[in-house]
Protein backbone atom coordinates (compact mmCIF):
# COMPACT_ATOMS: atom_id res chain seq x y z
CA MET A 1 179.38 133.45 51.89
CA GLU A 2 178.29 133.39 55.53
CA GLY A 3 175.30 134.37 57.11
CA SER A 4 172.49 133.15 59.16
CA GLN A 5 169.89 131.11 58.55
CA LEU A 6 165.86 132.00 57.61
CA ALA A 7 163.75 133.10 60.62
CA ALA A 8 163.39 131.51 63.28
CA ASP A 9 159.23 131.03 62.06
CA ASP A 10 160.44 129.61 59.03
CA TRP A 11 163.51 127.12 60.15
CA TRP A 12 161.44 124.24 58.42
CA ARG A 13 161.90 125.74 55.47
CA SER A 14 165.79 124.58 54.59
CA ALA A 15 166.00 122.40 58.21
CA VAL A 16 168.03 119.17 57.86
CA ILE A 17 165.68 116.40 59.83
CA TYR A 18 167.07 113.48 61.39
CA GLN A 19 165.21 110.61 61.65
CA VAL A 20 165.72 108.84 64.73
CA TYR A 21 163.89 105.15 64.62
CA VAL A 22 163.79 104.56 68.74
CA ARG A 23 164.31 100.75 68.90
CA SER A 24 167.03 100.64 66.77
CA PHE A 25 169.04 103.73 67.52
CA ALA A 26 170.48 103.49 71.44
CA ASP A 27 169.78 101.10 73.91
CA GLY A 28 170.15 102.98 77.82
CA ASP A 29 168.92 100.19 79.89
CA GLY A 30 170.79 97.36 78.42
CA ASP A 31 167.40 95.48 77.30
CA GLY A 32 168.51 94.34 73.91
CA THR A 33 165.79 97.39 72.18
CA GLY A 34 166.49 101.37 71.82
CA ASP A 35 164.63 103.76 74.27
CA LEU A 36 164.31 107.39 75.13
CA THR A 37 167.86 107.31 77.71
CA GLY A 38 169.39 106.19 75.25
CA VAL A 39 168.35 109.44 72.73
CA ARG A 40 168.97 111.42 75.58
CA SER A 41 172.60 110.12 75.73
CA ARG A 42 173.07 110.46 72.02
CA LEU A 43 172.13 114.16 71.88
CA PRO A 44 176.06 115.90 72.08
CA TYR A 45 176.58 113.39 69.18
CA LEU A 46 173.50 115.05 67.45
CA ALA A 47 174.61 118.32 68.22
CA GLU A 48 177.70 117.96 66.77
CA LEU A 49 176.45 116.08 63.55
CA GLY A 50 174.65 119.47 63.22
CA VAL A 51 170.95 119.21 62.70
CA ASP A 52 167.96 121.07 63.22
CA ALA A 53 165.28 118.93 64.32
CA LEU A 54 164.67 114.87 65.26
CA TRP A 55 161.60 113.65 63.72
CA PHE A 56 160.77 110.22 65.83
CA THR A 57 158.93 107.03 64.72
CA PRO A 58 156.08 106.16 66.77
CA TRP A 59 156.96 106.27 70.39
CA TYR A 60 153.26 105.25 71.93
CA LEU A 61 152.11 102.66 73.80
CA SER A 62 152.25 99.37 71.14
CA PRO A 63 152.13 95.84 70.59
CA MET A 64 155.07 96.23 68.06
CA ALA A 65 153.13 94.21 65.41
CA ASP A 66 154.49 96.57 62.99
CA GLY A 67 157.60 98.30 64.55
CA GLY A 68 155.04 100.99 67.21
CA TYR A 69 152.77 102.10 63.74
CA ASP A 70 149.79 100.29 65.81
CA VAL A 71 149.43 102.75 68.01
CA ALA A 72 146.88 101.66 71.64
CA ASP A 73 147.68 105.14 73.37
CA TYR A 74 148.57 108.24 71.78
CA ARG A 75 149.39 109.77 75.67
CA ALA A 76 151.05 107.24 76.78
CA ILE A 77 155.05 105.92 75.88
CA ASP A 78 155.63 102.45 74.94
CA PRO A 79 157.45 100.89 78.34
CA SER A 80 160.30 99.10 76.20
CA PHE A 81 160.96 103.12 75.11
CA GLY A 82 160.57 104.99 78.80
CA ASP A 83 157.74 106.84 79.84
CA LEU A 84 155.94 110.60 79.27
CA ALA A 85 158.01 111.89 82.22
CA GLU A 86 161.27 110.73 80.05
CA ALA A 87 159.22 112.05 76.69
CA GLU A 88 159.33 115.34 78.57
CA LYS A 89 163.13 115.08 78.99
CA LEU A 90 164.09 114.85 75.75
CA ILE A 91 162.15 117.23 73.96
CA ALA A 92 162.77 120.30 76.51
CA GLU A 93 167.12 118.75 76.53
CA ALA A 94 166.89 118.15 72.74
CA ARG A 95 165.42 121.95 72.62
CA GLU A 96 168.43 123.09 75.12
CA ALA A 97 170.73 121.77 72.40
CA GLY A 98 169.45 123.60 69.44
CA ILE A 99 167.38 120.57 68.36
CA ARG A 100 163.91 120.42 67.59
CA THR A 101 161.35 117.24 68.05
CA ILE A 102 158.90 115.56 65.50
CA ILE A 103 156.79 113.08 66.68
CA ASP A 104 154.81 110.76 64.06
CA ILE A 105 151.13 110.20 64.32
CA VAL A 106 149.01 107.35 62.47
CA PRO A 107 145.29 108.88 61.73
CA ASN A 108 144.66 105.83 59.38
CA HIS A 109 144.57 103.30 62.02
CA VAL A 110 145.32 102.17 65.56
CA SER A 111 146.22 98.75 67.18
CA ASP A 112 143.40 95.77 68.25
CA GLN A 113 144.55 96.80 71.54
CA HIS A 114 143.49 100.29 71.69
CA VAL A 115 140.76 100.53 73.83
CA TRP A 116 138.40 101.83 71.15
CA PHE A 117 138.54 98.82 69.30
CA LYS A 118 138.51 96.34 71.87
CA ALA A 119 134.88 98.28 73.01
CA ALA A 120 134.10 97.31 69.63
CA LEU A 121 135.09 93.86 69.69
CA ALA A 122 132.85 93.72 72.90
CA ALA A 123 129.70 95.79 71.88
CA GLY A 124 129.36 93.63 68.96
CA PRO A 125 127.26 94.24 65.61
CA GLY A 126 125.04 97.87 64.74
CA SER A 127 126.56 99.24 67.82
CA VAL A 128 127.89 103.03 68.35
CA GLU A 129 131.18 101.23 69.20
CA ARG A 130 131.76 99.80 65.96
CA GLU A 131 131.04 103.07 64.19
CA LEU A 132 134.16 104.22 65.08
CA PHE A 133 136.32 101.65 62.64
CA HIS A 134 134.72 99.99 59.13
CA PHE A 135 132.77 96.73 60.32
CA ARG A 136 131.01 95.28 57.07
CA PRO A 137 128.99 91.88 56.77
CA GLY A 138 130.78 90.03 54.54
CA ARG A 139 129.05 88.09 50.89
CA GLY A 140 128.46 85.01 49.89
CA ALA A 141 125.69 82.64 51.09
CA HIS A 142 127.18 82.38 54.60
CA GLY A 143 128.88 86.01 54.79
CA GLU A 144 132.37 84.45 54.27
CA LEU A 145 134.01 86.29 51.63
CA PRO A 146 135.29 89.90 52.44
CA PRO A 147 133.27 92.21 52.13
CA ASN A 148 134.92 93.97 48.98
CA ASP A 149 137.97 93.35 46.61
CA TRP A 150 140.81 95.92 47.88
CA GLU A 151 144.22 94.78 48.96
CA SER A 152 146.41 95.45 52.15
CA GLU A 153 149.00 97.79 51.70
CA PHE A 154 151.13 94.80 53.04
CA GLY A 155 149.59 92.25 50.44
CA GLY A 156 146.65 90.19 51.07
CA VAL A 157 143.19 90.66 52.19
CA PRO A 158 142.45 93.80 54.13
CA TRP A 159 139.60 92.50 56.04
CA THR A 160 139.82 90.10 59.20
CA ARG A 161 136.36 88.28 60.29
CA VAL A 162 135.63 88.20 64.21
CA GLU A 163 134.24 85.65 65.83
CA ASP A 164 130.31 87.45 65.43
CA GLY A 165 130.77 86.58 61.95
CA GLU A 166 131.70 90.08 60.95
CA TRP A 167 134.42 91.95 59.11
CA TYR A 168 136.73 94.84 59.58
CA LEU A 169 139.17 96.91 57.74
CA HIS A 170 142.62 97.04 58.11
CA LEU A 171 144.20 98.73 54.63
CA PHE A 172 148.23 97.22 57.03
CA ALA A 173 148.37 94.83 58.76
CA THR A 174 145.63 92.38 60.97
CA GLU A 175 146.58 94.08 64.30
CA GLN A 176 145.87 97.62 62.26
CA PRO A 177 142.27 98.55 62.55
CA ASP A 178 141.09 101.13 60.24
CA LEU A 179 139.98 104.47 61.38
CA ASN A 180 136.84 105.62 60.26
CA TRP A 181 136.90 109.48 59.61
CA ALA A 182 133.48 110.05 58.66
CA HIS A 183 132.89 109.84 62.43
CA PRO A 184 133.34 112.88 64.62
CA ALA A 185 134.61 111.65 67.47
CA VAL A 186 137.77 110.24 65.00
CA ARG A 187 138.17 113.86 64.45
CA GLN A 188 137.73 115.14 67.91
CA GLU A 189 140.23 112.59 69.58
CA HIS A 190 143.15 113.14 67.30
CA GLU A 191 142.89 116.82 67.50
CA ASP A 192 142.74 116.34 71.17
CA VAL A 193 146.06 114.43 70.64
CA LEU A 194 147.41 116.78 68.56
CA ARG A 195 146.91 119.13 71.35
CA PHE A 196 148.26 117.20 73.88
CA TRP A 197 152.19 117.15 72.45
CA PHE A 198 152.13 120.63 70.79
CA GLU A 199 151.36 121.50 74.59
CA ARG A 200 154.67 119.65 75.28
CA GLY A 201 157.20 120.89 73.42
CA VAL A 202 157.05 119.13 70.17
CA ALA A 203 157.55 121.28 67.11
CA GLY A 204 155.56 119.55 64.59
CA VAL A 205 153.58 116.22 63.29
CA ARG A 206 154.51 113.96 60.83
CA ILE A 207 151.96 112.58 59.57
CA ASP A 208 151.88 108.34 58.57
CA SER A 209 149.76 107.16 54.99
CA ALA A 210 148.09 111.14 55.27
CA ALA A 211 146.35 110.65 51.82
CA LEU A 212 144.78 106.70 52.84
CA VAL A 213 142.75 108.09 55.91
CA ALA A 214 139.38 109.28 54.15
CA LYS A 215 137.18 106.55 53.05
CA ASP A 216 134.18 106.19 50.26
CA PRO A 217 131.37 105.07 53.28
CA ALA A 218 130.46 102.66 50.23
CA LEU A 219 133.58 100.63 50.57
CA PRO A 220 132.47 99.91 46.39
CA ASP A 221 134.89 97.13 45.18
CA LEU A 222 137.79 98.34 43.05
CA GLU A 223 137.00 96.45 39.46
CA GLY A 224 135.03 98.60 37.44
CA HIS A 225 135.00 101.25 40.04
CA GLN A 226 134.10 104.77 38.50
CA GLY A 227 135.05 108.15 40.04
CA PRO A 228 137.29 109.06 42.83
CA HIS A 229 139.37 106.71 44.41
CA PRO A 230 137.38 104.93 47.17
CA TYR A 231 140.66 105.22 50.10
CA VAL A 232 143.37 106.92 47.91
CA ASP A 233 143.66 110.97 47.53
CA ARG A 234 140.02 111.46 48.79
CA ASP A 235 138.50 115.58 48.99
CA GLU A 236 137.40 115.24 52.40
CA LEU A 237 141.20 114.92 53.66
CA HIS A 238 141.62 118.49 53.30
CA ASP A 239 138.99 119.75 55.26
CA ILE A 240 140.51 117.22 57.69
CA TYR A 241 143.89 118.76 57.45
CA ARG A 242 142.78 122.24 57.21
CA GLY A 243 141.68 121.64 60.71
CA TRP A 244 144.76 120.05 62.06
CA ARG A 245 146.55 123.33 60.15
CA ALA A 246 144.55 125.61 62.64
CA ILE A 247 145.52 123.97 65.83
CA ALA A 248 149.16 123.51 64.92
CA ASP A 249 149.08 127.86 64.47
CA GLU A 250 148.04 127.87 67.32
CA PHE A 251 151.85 126.38 68.98
CA GLY A 252 154.09 127.47 65.76
CA GLY A 253 153.94 124.20 64.79
CA ILE A 254 154.67 122.23 61.47
CA PHE A 255 153.52 119.05 59.97
CA VAL A 256 155.44 116.80 56.86
CA GLY A 257 152.61 114.79 55.12
CA GLU A 258 153.81 111.10 53.72
CA VAL A 259 151.93 111.71 51.12
CA TRP A 260 152.16 108.91 47.50
CA LEU A 261 150.90 110.47 45.12
CA PRO A 262 151.39 110.49 41.18
CA ASP A 263 149.45 113.68 39.91
CA SER A 264 151.41 116.35 41.17
CA GLU A 265 148.93 118.76 41.26
CA ARG A 266 146.38 116.59 43.36
CA PHE A 267 149.97 116.40 45.68
CA ALA A 268 150.45 120.14 45.84
CA ARG A 269 146.66 120.27 47.18
CA TYR A 270 148.21 119.50 50.38
CA LEU A 271 150.48 121.87 50.61
CA ARG A 272 148.36 124.92 50.23
CA PRO A 273 149.24 127.41 52.52
CA ASP A 274 146.21 126.33 54.99
CA GLU A 275 147.23 122.75 54.61
CA LEU A 276 150.29 121.20 55.50
CA HIS A 277 153.72 122.90 55.70
CA THR A 278 155.84 119.99 53.88
CA ALA A 279 155.11 116.48 52.46
CA PHE A 280 157.89 113.72 52.02
CA ASN A 281 159.45 113.54 47.83
CA PHE A 282 159.13 110.53 46.89
CA THR A 283 159.43 111.21 43.41
CA PHE A 284 163.51 111.83 44.70
CA LEU A 285 163.49 109.05 46.96
CA SER A 286 162.81 106.32 44.54
CA CYS A 287 165.04 108.37 41.47
CA PRO A 288 167.55 105.64 40.14
CA TRP A 289 171.24 106.98 40.01
CA ASP A 290 170.95 108.47 36.79
CA GLY A 291 171.64 112.17 35.67
CA PRO A 292 169.00 113.07 33.80
CA LEU A 293 166.42 111.33 35.23
CA LEU A 294 167.69 113.03 38.87
CA ARG A 295 167.56 115.81 36.95
CA ARG A 296 163.62 115.23 35.86
CA ALA A 297 162.81 114.51 39.19
CA ILE A 298 164.59 117.57 40.69
CA ASP A 299 162.52 120.07 38.20
CA GLU A 300 159.12 117.67 38.87
CA THR A 301 159.64 118.70 42.78
CA LEU A 302 160.67 122.15 42.37
CA ALA A 303 157.44 123.06 39.67
CA GLU A 304 154.75 120.99 41.80
CA HIS A 305 156.33 122.93 45.19
CA ALA A 306 156.14 126.64 43.31
CA PRO A 307 152.59 127.44 43.13
CA VAL A 308 151.32 126.40 46.39
CA GLY A 309 155.26 128.05 47.84
CA ALA A 310 155.88 125.30 49.98
CA PRO A 311 159.32 124.30 50.15
CA ALA A 312 160.29 120.69 49.06
CA THR A 313 161.90 118.13 51.11
CA TRP A 314 164.85 116.07 49.93
CA VAL A 315 164.75 111.74 51.31
CA LEU A 316 167.76 109.65 50.11
CA CYS A 317 166.34 106.80 52.70
CA ASN A 318 163.89 106.00 55.75
CA HIS A 319 163.18 102.93 58.13
CA ASP A 320 160.99 101.43 55.24
CA VAL A 321 163.79 101.72 52.32
CA THR A 322 166.47 99.83 51.51
CA ARG A 323 169.91 102.31 53.18
CA THR A 324 171.16 104.30 49.93
CA VAL A 325 175.11 102.45 50.18
CA THR A 326 173.24 99.63 49.14
CA ARG A 327 170.71 100.48 46.83
CA TYR A 328 173.16 102.68 45.07
CA GLY A 329 175.40 99.43 44.40
CA ARG A 330 172.99 97.69 42.39
CA GLU A 331 172.44 97.18 38.86
CA ASP A 332 169.24 98.79 39.45
CA THR A 333 169.31 101.69 42.16
CA GLY A 334 165.68 102.90 41.93
CA PHE A 335 163.49 101.82 44.97
CA ALA A 336 160.01 99.99 44.61
CA PHE A 337 158.30 97.84 47.77
CA THR A 338 157.42 95.87 44.63
CA ALA A 339 161.10 95.03 43.57
CA LYS A 340 162.10 94.40 47.23
CA ALA A 341 164.02 90.66 47.09
CA PHE A 342 166.49 88.50 48.61
CA GLY A 343 169.96 87.67 46.79
CA VAL A 344 170.17 91.33 45.03
CA PRO A 345 173.98 91.81 44.74
CA SER A 346 175.29 94.89 45.95
CA ASP A 347 178.51 96.67 45.16
CA LEU A 348 179.28 98.31 48.46
CA GLU A 349 182.37 100.50 47.44
CA LEU A 350 180.32 101.95 44.07
CA GLY A 351 176.93 102.60 46.61
CA THR A 352 179.46 104.61 48.85
CA ARG A 353 180.97 106.29 46.54
CA ARG A 354 177.53 107.25 44.94
CA ALA A 355 176.21 107.58 48.36
CA ARG A 356 178.39 110.81 49.32
CA ALA A 357 177.72 112.08 46.47
CA ALA A 358 173.91 111.88 46.98
CA ALA A 359 174.31 113.17 50.09
CA LEU A 360 176.36 116.77 49.02
CA LEU A 361 173.52 116.71 46.20
CA SER A 362 170.47 116.53 48.50
CA LEU A 363 172.02 119.03 50.67
CA ALA A 364 172.59 121.58 48.05
CA LEU A 365 169.00 121.89 46.90
CA PRO A 366 166.73 123.99 47.88
CA GLY A 367 164.52 122.70 50.59
CA SER A 368 164.34 120.89 53.95
CA VAL A 369 166.45 117.45 54.05
CA TYR A 370 165.70 114.33 56.26
CA LEU A 371 168.45 112.10 57.19
CA TYR A 372 167.77 108.56 58.48
CA GLN A 373 169.69 107.38 61.52
CA GLY A 374 172.80 105.41 60.07
CA GLU A 375 172.95 107.24 56.68
CA GLU A 376 175.70 109.11 58.25
CA LEU A 377 177.67 106.49 58.85
CA GLY A 378 177.21 104.85 55.48
CA LEU A 379 175.62 101.64 56.81
CA PRO A 380 174.02 99.33 54.51
CA GLU A 381 171.24 97.09 54.10
CA ALA A 382 171.60 94.31 56.46
CA ASP A 383 171.65 90.94 55.67
CA VAL A 384 168.56 89.63 58.63
CA PRO A 385 168.45 86.16 59.30
CA LEU A 386 164.88 84.94 58.21
CA ASP A 387 164.15 83.43 62.13
CA ARG A 388 165.09 87.22 63.13
CA ILE A 389 163.08 88.85 60.76
CA GLN A 390 159.92 90.43 62.69
CA ASP A 391 158.59 93.18 59.86
CA PRO A 392 155.02 91.95 58.62
CA MET A 393 155.59 93.07 55.14
CA TYR A 394 158.01 89.70 55.02
CA PHE A 395 155.13 87.22 56.42
CA ARG A 396 152.24 88.89 54.48
CA SER A 397 154.77 88.33 51.53
CA GLN A 398 154.50 84.40 52.07
CA GLU A 399 158.25 84.81 52.96
CA ARG A 400 159.35 86.09 49.47
CA ALA A 401 160.15 90.12 50.13
CA PRO A 402 162.40 90.51 52.83
CA GLY A 403 160.66 93.57 54.35
CA ARG A 404 162.18 96.39 56.42
CA ASP A 405 164.15 95.27 59.07
CA GLY A 406 167.26 95.14 57.18
CA CYS A 407 167.48 98.99 56.77
CA ARG A 408 166.35 99.46 61.16
CA THR A 409 169.09 97.26 62.26
CA PRO A 410 170.76 99.24 65.57
CA LEU A 411 173.52 101.39 65.27
CA PRO A 412 176.95 101.04 66.37
CA TRP A 413 178.63 103.41 68.23
CA ALA A 414 181.50 101.92 69.59
CA ALA A 415 184.03 99.94 67.73
CA ASP A 416 185.30 98.05 70.90
CA GLU A 417 182.13 97.65 73.26
CA PRO A 418 179.85 94.67 73.14
CA TYR A 419 177.14 94.97 70.59
CA ALA A 420 179.47 97.90 68.83
CA GLY A 421 178.11 99.62 71.77
CA PHE A 422 174.23 100.24 71.18
CA GLY A 423 174.27 99.98 74.72
CA SER A 424 172.12 96.47 75.02
CA THR A 425 174.04 93.49 78.30
CA VAL A 426 171.95 91.29 75.80
CA GLU A 427 170.90 90.49 72.28
CA PRO A 428 169.24 92.97 70.68
CA TRP A 429 166.22 92.76 68.99
CA LEU A 430 167.65 92.51 65.67
CA PRO A 431 170.95 91.39 65.42
CA LEU A 432 173.93 93.71 64.42
CA PRO A 433 176.43 92.30 61.31
CA ALA A 434 179.21 91.18 61.86
CA ASP A 435 181.48 93.61 59.91
CA TRP A 436 178.91 96.76 62.21
CA PRO A 437 182.02 97.54 64.81
CA ALA A 438 184.37 98.70 61.71
CA ARG A 439 181.63 101.04 60.64
CA ALA A 440 180.83 101.92 64.42
CA ALA A 441 180.73 106.05 64.95
CA ASP A 442 183.73 106.63 67.47
CA LEU A 443 185.68 105.21 64.60
CA GLN A 444 184.39 107.35 61.80
CA ALA A 445 184.83 110.19 64.37
CA GLN A 446 188.26 110.38 64.43
CA ASP A 447 188.69 109.43 60.64
CA PRO A 448 188.41 112.67 58.50
CA ASP A 449 187.61 110.74 55.75
CA SER A 450 184.77 108.94 56.81
CA MET A 451 180.90 109.50 55.79
CA LEU A 452 180.13 111.01 59.09
CA ALA A 453 183.11 113.24 59.02
CA LEU A 454 181.93 113.96 55.61
CA TYR A 455 178.21 114.72 56.97
CA ARG A 456 179.27 117.06 59.66
CA GLU A 457 180.94 119.57 57.37
CA ALA A 458 178.30 119.12 55.22
CA LEU A 459 175.62 120.50 57.50
CA ARG A 460 178.30 122.87 59.41
CA GLN A 461 179.00 124.79 56.08
CA ARG A 462 175.06 124.29 55.32
CA ARG A 463 174.17 126.15 58.16
CA SER A 464 176.67 129.59 57.69
CA LEU A 465 175.86 129.01 53.58
CA THR A 466 173.15 131.32 52.87
CA ALA A 467 172.57 130.70 49.49
CA LEU A 468 171.19 127.11 50.68
CA HIS A 469 168.74 128.55 52.30
CA THR A 470 167.49 131.80 50.17
CA GLU A 471 168.54 131.17 46.64
CA PRO A 472 166.89 129.13 43.77
CA LEU A 473 168.16 126.17 42.05
CA ARG A 474 169.75 127.70 38.70
CA TRP A 475 170.90 125.10 35.85
CA LEU A 476 174.46 125.97 34.23
CA ASP A 477 174.63 123.08 32.25
CA GLU A 478 172.98 120.55 29.79
CA ASP A 479 175.37 118.12 29.65
CA PRO A 480 173.03 114.42 30.31
CA GLY A 481 175.88 113.34 32.80
CA LEU A 482 176.27 116.39 34.72
CA LEU A 483 174.42 117.75 37.50
CA LEU A 484 176.11 121.43 37.88
CA PHE A 485 173.95 123.97 39.32
CA ALA A 486 173.95 127.57 41.02
CA ARG A 487 172.68 128.57 44.18
CA GLY A 488 173.17 132.35 43.87
CA ASP A 489 175.55 134.07 42.30
CA ALA A 490 178.31 132.17 44.34
CA LEU A 491 177.58 129.07 45.23
CA VAL A 492 177.93 125.81 42.46
CA CYS A 493 177.20 122.79 43.61
CA ALA A 494 178.45 119.51 40.34
CA VAL A 495 177.89 116.09 40.59
CA ASN A 496 179.31 113.52 37.88
CA LEU A 497 177.39 110.67 36.80
CA ALA A 498 178.84 110.51 33.09
CA GLU A 499 181.58 108.08 32.82
CA GLU A 500 184.28 109.87 31.95
CA PRO A 501 185.72 113.13 34.61
CA ALA A 502 184.53 116.12 34.14
CA GLY A 503 185.66 119.85 34.16
CA LEU A 504 184.66 122.30 36.55
CA PRO A 505 183.32 125.77 35.99
CA ALA A 506 185.83 128.69 37.26
CA HIS A 507 185.87 128.64 40.68
CA THR A 508 187.87 130.55 43.68
CA GLU A 509 187.66 127.86 46.27
CA VAL A 510 186.06 124.08 46.61
CA LEU A 511 184.40 124.06 49.61
CA LEU A 512 183.29 120.33 49.78
CA ALA A 513 183.61 117.52 47.39
CA SER A 514 182.51 113.84 48.11
CA GLY A 515 185.87 112.46 46.66
CA PRO A 516 189.06 113.37 45.79
CA LEU A 517 189.34 115.39 42.27
CA ASP A 518 191.40 113.66 39.40
CA ALA A 519 195.05 114.91 39.11
CA GLU A 520 194.35 117.25 36.16
CA GLY A 521 191.25 118.89 38.90
CA ARG A 522 188.37 117.11 37.00
CA LEU A 523 185.73 115.70 38.83
CA PRO A 524 185.89 112.12 38.22
CA ARG A 525 182.22 109.62 37.93
CA ASP A 526 180.27 109.71 40.91
CA THR A 527 181.29 112.84 42.81
CA ALA A 528 179.84 115.79 43.79
CA VAL A 529 181.39 119.01 44.89
CA TRP A 530 180.79 122.63 46.24
CA LEU A 531 182.35 125.32 44.74
CA ALA A 532 182.59 128.83 45.84
CA VAL A 533 182.67 130.95 42.74
């Protein structure tokens, strides 16, 4: 069952990509904030973990009004993270360790501190500078009402009025003015930025909010609107991404899009051979821990990718989503932003058992896998004190929703060091929970039964099992509580979500299990196994 992976050019089709939220990964200079020096210091850990690439959330110059997704300069690294020379060292050193780099691009908006937006404010109504954004007069007798009835992705009104009376559009936070993608300068600037980073050795780009970029120039009200949505999944987007694909092809680079769409046919359009290489799979990510629902999510995902020949991506968690251990320990194991609330109880022991099984499930599916930092340590969602929350989602919800800081808490590296070895000599930007030292990477590295040990072994086997890179999925059982499928003729994955233990098919070896089998050799509830057959 040993074998090589896909050809180097197709590495992304079955890669395991590790998401780095720089601010919370590792602190190299002790100031309380994670940085690129900290990431460089942990490259041996990442190489031993066995990941193929690192995806970095925005590391650019930013006021951090939205965790770096408010970009002030795409060609500069934020000083809290380092500088451009440090980024170039990191890209090169990671590549020497066999790890590629994927960066984040945020095309929908920039920071209100971006030079373009500051110039637009200074230039005033009717200026060419304002044409790069969506400035409009207000409604009402004195222009005191927003230009339309849209709602921000973060809740509330997506319009802010400036001193001269005009309003500007921001689908996210006030500090994130939306760009006008009908303007050629906006398109040219982003193409130049892509070349800038590909020339520095990045292997790919993740596109934030990829389906929201283009807007109906009339910016019509949503209520009573007929025809295509005024800002979601507009047809103009495909020409933009075709232009981007041509640039990526020059450098052998790849794209992954953040595309939240319920229509599978519309979703697949972004993955045509001349557009994006991959897109995140939110159907699987948000699916409850339920056998029939998971099977449906897997089948739908594979079916929607098949017509365009694109690989699926499998994601359990990211920097926006409640951590897997916590979510799977709740009564409602699905995920939706609208359902996030304070005080939801979770059985972390149950959640951990399910998260271990989900790890083997996702790593056995055809396609690529995205692993969010700390998931390999089995970290739960942190309970951040109210006076330490920084996420704008919390404040724009009138402090009703907890926001996303609970999954962004700094990582614990060493149990016996201050701040669990995060590297800080001062209190980190978000506080570490009191039990974080017990979950530290150095302790887990010595425990063969830890979550870290499971991930390391799963990734080691995944690299060498040819079937996991080349063979399609074939279901073997119709039992709704048992996910049982083959990859080729020699490898089977079984995941038991039923009440009772499940018998296993004939096999020659148990390659890996998320938990022990019972005394009769059956698969207990909430347990997964890889079998050689």
